[in-house]
Amino acid sequence: MTGKEFSPGFFQLSHGRDFMFVSEIFLSIQGESTRAGFPCVFVRLSGCNLGCEWCDTAYARVEEESRELSVEEVMGEVRAFNCPLVEITGGEPLYQEETSKLITGLLDSGYMVLMETNGSITLKGLDARLIKIVDVKCPSSGFAGSFLPENLDYIASEDEVKFVIADRTDYEFAKKFLDEFIEDRTEKILFAPVKPDMGPKELADWILHDRLKVRLQVQMHSYIWEEERGR
């Protein structure tokens, strides 16, 4: 990857600024989550505290590919698409302190707001109306163990928990995590195969064999537009 990555702590050191670092804002089909298939505006914020082996949006970690926008400017670009569903993603959206303000501003404006987060930063204090899609990093990511245990206390029934799975080791890790920690917090559990390392058929066979109550989650947008940016 070319370009300068945001250094650890960069956003925290920028405390008090009145803008956000934004990678891209675009309209697409929601390709993941339980809302897959619906039109959705994506607000991709820049910067991440992790660097997963199979990350498919590494450009969002590059400083040169970000714009500095105020929360109001971000909301203005979202409004221009005239779409009621918005997802805030990254990078890692909670890496920026202003994300909470953006979430509440969009919710107050009548949007349904989803946020995808890597689970390593606290969810405490976020607007209760937000629908959180929380990743639990499996071993193949290189960041197994990065999930913040206290975040289990902030996962509600409408939130979703996602495991991105590249091999059998990841699958067994995800099963164990579900057995030990998820309990009755939410029934919205996503198992997503890493493309192209893990075929959806093989993962589907494992899920069916073990009778898991989870949703097989393929990246619908990648089958429509492959790796095209802004889709």
Protein backbone atom coordinates (compact mmCIF):
# COMPACT_ATOMS: atom_id res chain seq x y z
CA MET A 1 0.00 0.00 0.00
CA THR A 2 1.33 3.43 -0.96
CA GLY A 3 0.93 6.62 1.01
CA LYS A 4 1.37 7.52 4.66
CA GLU A 5 -0.81 5.67 7.13
CA PHE A 6 -2.34 7.48 10.08
CA SER A 7 -0.07 6.87 13.05
CA PRO A 8 -1.44 5.26 16.25
CA GLY A 9 -2.98 7.90 18.46
CA PHE A 10 -3.17 10.47 15.62
CA PHE A 11 -6.87 11.12 16.05
CA GLN A 12 -6.66 11.30 19.81
CA LEU A 13 -3.83 13.83 19.54
CA SER A 14 -6.09 15.90 17.28
CA HIS A 15 -8.62 16.32 20.10
CA GLY A 16 -10.68 19.49 19.84
CA ARG A 17 -10.66 19.82 16.06
CA ASP A 18 -13.94 20.66 14.29
CA PHE A 19 -13.62 18.25 11.36
CA MET A 20 -13.49 14.55 10.54
CA PHE A 21 -11.14 12.57 8.32
CA VAL A 22 -13.31 11.00 5.62
CA SER A 23 -12.20 8.44 3.05
CA GLU A 24 -15.35 8.40 0.90
CA ILE A 25 -19.12 8.90 0.94
CA PHE A 26 -21.18 7.02 -1.64
CA LEU A 27 -24.52 5.36 -2.44
CA SER A 28 -24.54 1.62 -2.97
CA ILE A 29 -26.43 -1.56 -2.23
CA GLN A 30 -25.94 -2.73 1.34
CA GLY A 31 -23.88 -5.86 0.75
CA GLU A 32 -23.64 -7.16 4.30
CA SER A 33 -25.56 -7.27 7.58
CA THR A 34 -29.23 -8.21 8.01
CA ARG A 35 -30.10 -5.21 5.79
CA ALA A 36 -28.26 -6.69 2.78
CA GLY A 37 -29.87 -5.76 -0.51
CA PHE A 38 -31.21 -2.34 0.50
CA PRO A 39 -29.90 0.94 -0.97
CA CYS A 40 -27.60 2.55 1.58
CA VAL A 41 -25.35 5.59 1.91
CA PHE A 42 -21.90 4.65 3.17
CA VAL A 43 -19.76 7.09 5.13
CA ARG A 44 -16.28 5.58 5.21
CA LEU A 45 -14.09 7.29 7.78
CA SER A 46 -10.30 7.23 7.64
CA GLY A 47 -7.86 5.71 10.07
CA CYS A 48 -7.77 2.40 11.92
CA ASN A 49 -6.09 1.10 15.04
CA LEU A 50 -5.72 -2.39 13.52
CA GLY A 51 -4.30 -3.69 10.24
CA CYS A 52 -6.01 -6.99 9.48
CA GLU A 53 -4.30 -9.40 7.09
CA TRP A 54 -7.35 -9.63 4.80
CA CYS A 55 -8.49 -5.98 5.03
CA ASP A 56 -10.21 -4.98 1.76
CA THR A 57 -10.29 -1.23 2.47
CA ALA A 58 -6.64 -0.58 3.33
CA TYR A 59 -6.86 2.71 1.41
CA ALA A 60 -8.96 4.05 4.29
CA ARG A 61 -5.85 3.89 6.47
CA VAL A 62 -3.91 6.25 4.19
CA GLU A 63 -3.76 9.91 5.18
CA GLU A 64 -3.38 11.19 1.60
CA GLU A 65 -6.68 9.60 0.58
CA SER A 66 -8.78 11.36 3.23
CA ARG A 67 -10.75 14.61 3.22
CA GLU A 68 -11.27 16.93 6.16
CA LEU A 69 -15.01 17.55 6.54
CA SER A 70 -17.07 18.94 9.38
CA VAL A 71 -19.90 16.83 10.79
CA GLU A 72 -22.34 19.22 9.11
CA GLU A 73 -20.58 18.80 5.74
CA VAL A 74 -20.75 15.01 6.05
CA MET A 75 -24.46 15.21 6.81
CA GLY A 76 -24.96 17.51 3.83
CA GLU A 77 -23.37 14.97 1.47
CA VAL A 78 -25.52 12.20 2.97
CA ARG A 79 -28.70 14.24 2.48
CA ALA A 80 -27.89 14.73 -1.21
CA PHE A 81 -28.44 11.00 -1.85
CA ASN A 82 -32.03 11.05 -0.50
CA CYS A 83 -31.70 7.58 1.04
CA PRO A 84 -33.01 6.73 4.54
CA LEU A 85 -30.38 4.07 5.40
CA VAL A 86 -26.83 5.11 6.33
CA GLU A 87 -23.84 3.02 7.39
CA ILE A 88 -20.80 4.54 9.09
CA THR A 89 -17.76 2.39 8.48
CA GLY A 90 -14.00 2.63 7.98
CA GLY A 91 -11.25 2.13 8.69
CA GLU A 92 -12.46 2.13 12.23
CA PRO A 93 -15.14 4.79 12.82
CA LEU A 94 -14.69 4.91 16.60
CA TYR A 95 -11.04 5.91 16.07
CA GLN A 96 -12.40 9.47 15.67
CA GLU A 97 -14.03 11.28 18.59
CA GLU A 98 -16.48 13.15 16.33
CA THR A 99 -18.15 9.92 15.17
CA SER A 100 -20.55 9.93 18.12
CA LYS A 101 -21.74 13.43 17.18
CA LEU A 102 -22.26 12.35 13.56
CA ILE A 103 -24.26 9.29 14.66
CA THR A 104 -26.63 11.32 16.82
CA GLY A 105 -26.99 14.04 14.19
CA LEU A 106 -28.04 11.51 11.55
CA LEU A 107 -30.43 9.74 13.93
CA ASP A 108 -32.02 13.05 14.95
CA SER A 109 -32.52 13.77 11.23
CA GLY A 110 -34.58 10.60 10.83
CA TYR A 111 -32.05 8.20 9.30
CA MET A 112 -31.66 4.56 10.24
CA VAL A 113 -27.97 4.40 11.12
CA LEU A 114 -25.72 1.35 11.13
CA MET A 115 -22.12 1.41 12.28
CA GLU A 116 -19.53 -1.29 11.61
CA THR A 117 -16.76 -1.41 14.21
CA ASN A 118 -13.87 -3.78 14.86
CA GLY A 119 -14.81 -4.35 18.51
CA SER A 120 -11.51 -3.15 19.96
CA ILE A 121 -12.74 0.32 21.03
CA THR A 122 -15.40 0.88 23.68
CA LEU A 123 -19.03 1.11 22.63
CA LYS A 124 -19.94 2.89 25.85
CA GLY A 125 -21.88 6.12 25.49
CA LEU A 126 -23.07 5.64 21.90
CA ASP A 127 -26.62 6.67 21.01
CA ALA A 128 -28.97 3.84 21.98
CA ARG A 129 -30.80 4.15 18.63
CA LEU A 130 -27.67 3.17 16.69
CA ILE A 131 -27.51 -0.34 15.20
CA LYS A 132 -24.01 -1.64 15.83
CA ILE A 133 -22.37 -4.28 13.65
CA VAL A 134 -19.52 -5.50 15.82
CA ASP A 135 -16.66 -7.55 14.40
CA VAL A 136 -14.92 -10.14 16.53
CA LYS A 137 -11.52 -10.65 14.95
CA CYS A 138 -10.61 -14.28 14.26
CA PRO A 139 -7.02 -15.65 14.24
CA SER A 140 -6.47 -15.22 10.48
CA SER A 141 -6.87 -11.46 10.85
CA GLY A 142 -3.74 -11.26 12.99
CA PHE A 143 -5.73 -9.57 15.76
CA ALA A 144 -7.49 -12.36 17.63
CA GLY A 145 -7.90 -11.17 21.18
CA SER A 146 -8.41 -7.52 20.19
CA PHE A 147 -12.12 -7.62 21.09
CA LEU A 148 -12.80 -5.49 24.17
CA PRO A 149 -14.68 -7.73 26.67
CA GLU A 150 -16.63 -4.80 28.14
CA ASN A 151 -18.29 -4.29 24.75
CA LEU A 152 -20.44 -7.33 25.45
CA ASP A 153 -22.33 -5.12 27.90
CA TYR A 154 -23.26 -2.70 25.10
CA ILE A 155 -24.54 -5.20 22.52
CA ALA A 156 -28.35 -5.08 22.34
CA SER A 157 -30.87 -7.33 20.60
CA GLU A 158 -30.94 -5.17 17.43
CA ASP A 159 -27.16 -5.15 17.13
CA GLU A 160 -25.20 -7.65 15.05
CA VAL A 161 -22.01 -9.60 15.74
CA LYS A 162 -19.85 -10.59 12.80
CA PHE A 163 -17.03 -13.10 12.37
CA VAL A 164 -14.93 -12.95 9.19
CA ILE A 165 -13.73 -16.49 8.57
CA ALA A 166 -10.80 -17.63 6.42
CA ASP A 167 -10.31 -21.24 7.56
CA ARG A 168 -11.37 -23.94 9.97
CA THR A 169 -9.36 -22.41 12.82
CA ASP A 170 -11.36 -19.19 12.48
CA TYR A 171 -14.60 -21.16 12.38
CA GLU A 172 -13.83 -23.04 15.59
CA PHE A 173 -12.75 -19.78 17.24
CA ALA A 174 -16.08 -18.18 16.31
CA LYS A 175 -18.10 -21.15 17.57
CA LYS A 176 -16.27 -21.08 20.91
CA PHE A 177 -16.80 -17.32 21.26
CA LEU A 178 -20.54 -17.75 20.65
CA ASP A 179 -20.79 -20.54 23.20
CA GLU A 180 -18.89 -18.65 25.88
CA PHE A 181 -19.93 -15.04 25.48
CA ILE A 182 -22.89 -14.16 23.25
CA GLU A 183 -25.66 -15.93 25.22
CA ASP A 184 -28.97 -14.07 24.69
CA ARG A 185 -27.52 -10.66 23.81
CA THR A 186 -28.51 -10.88 20.14
CA GLU A 187 -29.65 -13.48 17.63
CA LYS A 188 -28.13 -11.52 14.74
CA ILE A 189 -24.87 -13.44 14.24
CA LEU A 190 -23.03 -13.20 10.91
CA PHE A 191 -20.41 -15.64 9.57
CA ALA A 192 -18.67 -14.06 6.57
CA PRO A 193 -16.18 -15.98 4.39
CA VAL A 194 -12.96 -14.21 3.43
CA LYS A 195 -12.98 -13.83 -0.33
CA PRO A 196 -11.28 -15.66 -2.05
CA ASP A 197 -9.62 -17.67 0.74
CA MET A 198 -12.81 -19.31 2.00
CA GLY A 199 -15.55 -20.46 -0.34
CA PRO A 200 -19.12 -19.79 0.83
CA LYS A 201 -20.11 -23.38 0.02
CA GLU A 202 -17.55 -24.84 2.42
CA LEU A 203 -18.56 -22.45 5.19
CA ALA A 204 -22.23 -23.19 4.52
CA ASP A 205 -21.55 -26.93 4.84
CA TRP A 206 -19.88 -26.42 8.24
CA ILE A 207 -22.76 -24.27 9.48
CA LEU A 208 -25.34 -26.83 8.38
CA HIS A 209 -23.40 -29.76 9.80
CA ASP A 210 -23.19 -28.08 13.22
CA ARG A 211 -26.76 -26.71 13.06
CA LEU A 212 -25.52 -23.24 13.99
CA LYS A 213 -28.11 -20.50 14.38
CA VAL A 214 -26.10 -17.97 12.38
CA ARG A 215 -26.49 -16.10 9.10
CA LEU A 216 -24.09 -16.91 6.24
CA GLN A 217 -22.96 -13.49 5.02
CA VAL A 218 -21.39 -13.03 1.59
CA GLN A 219 -20.33 -9.59 0.34
CA MET A 220 -23.14 -8.96 -2.12
CA HIS A 221 -21.56 -5.75 -3.45
CA SER A 222 -18.33 -7.57 -4.36
CA TYR A 223 -20.27 -10.03 -6.52
CA ILE A 224 -22.01 -7.15 -8.30
CA TRP A 225 -19.10 -4.71 -8.76
CA GLU A 226 -16.05 -6.79 -7.74
CA GLU A 227 -13.38 -4.42 -6.33
CA GLU A 228 -14.73 -1.16 -7.79
CA ARG A 229 -14.30 1.75 -5.36
CA GLY A 230 -17.35 3.69 -4.26
CA ARG A 231 -19.60 0.65 -4.64
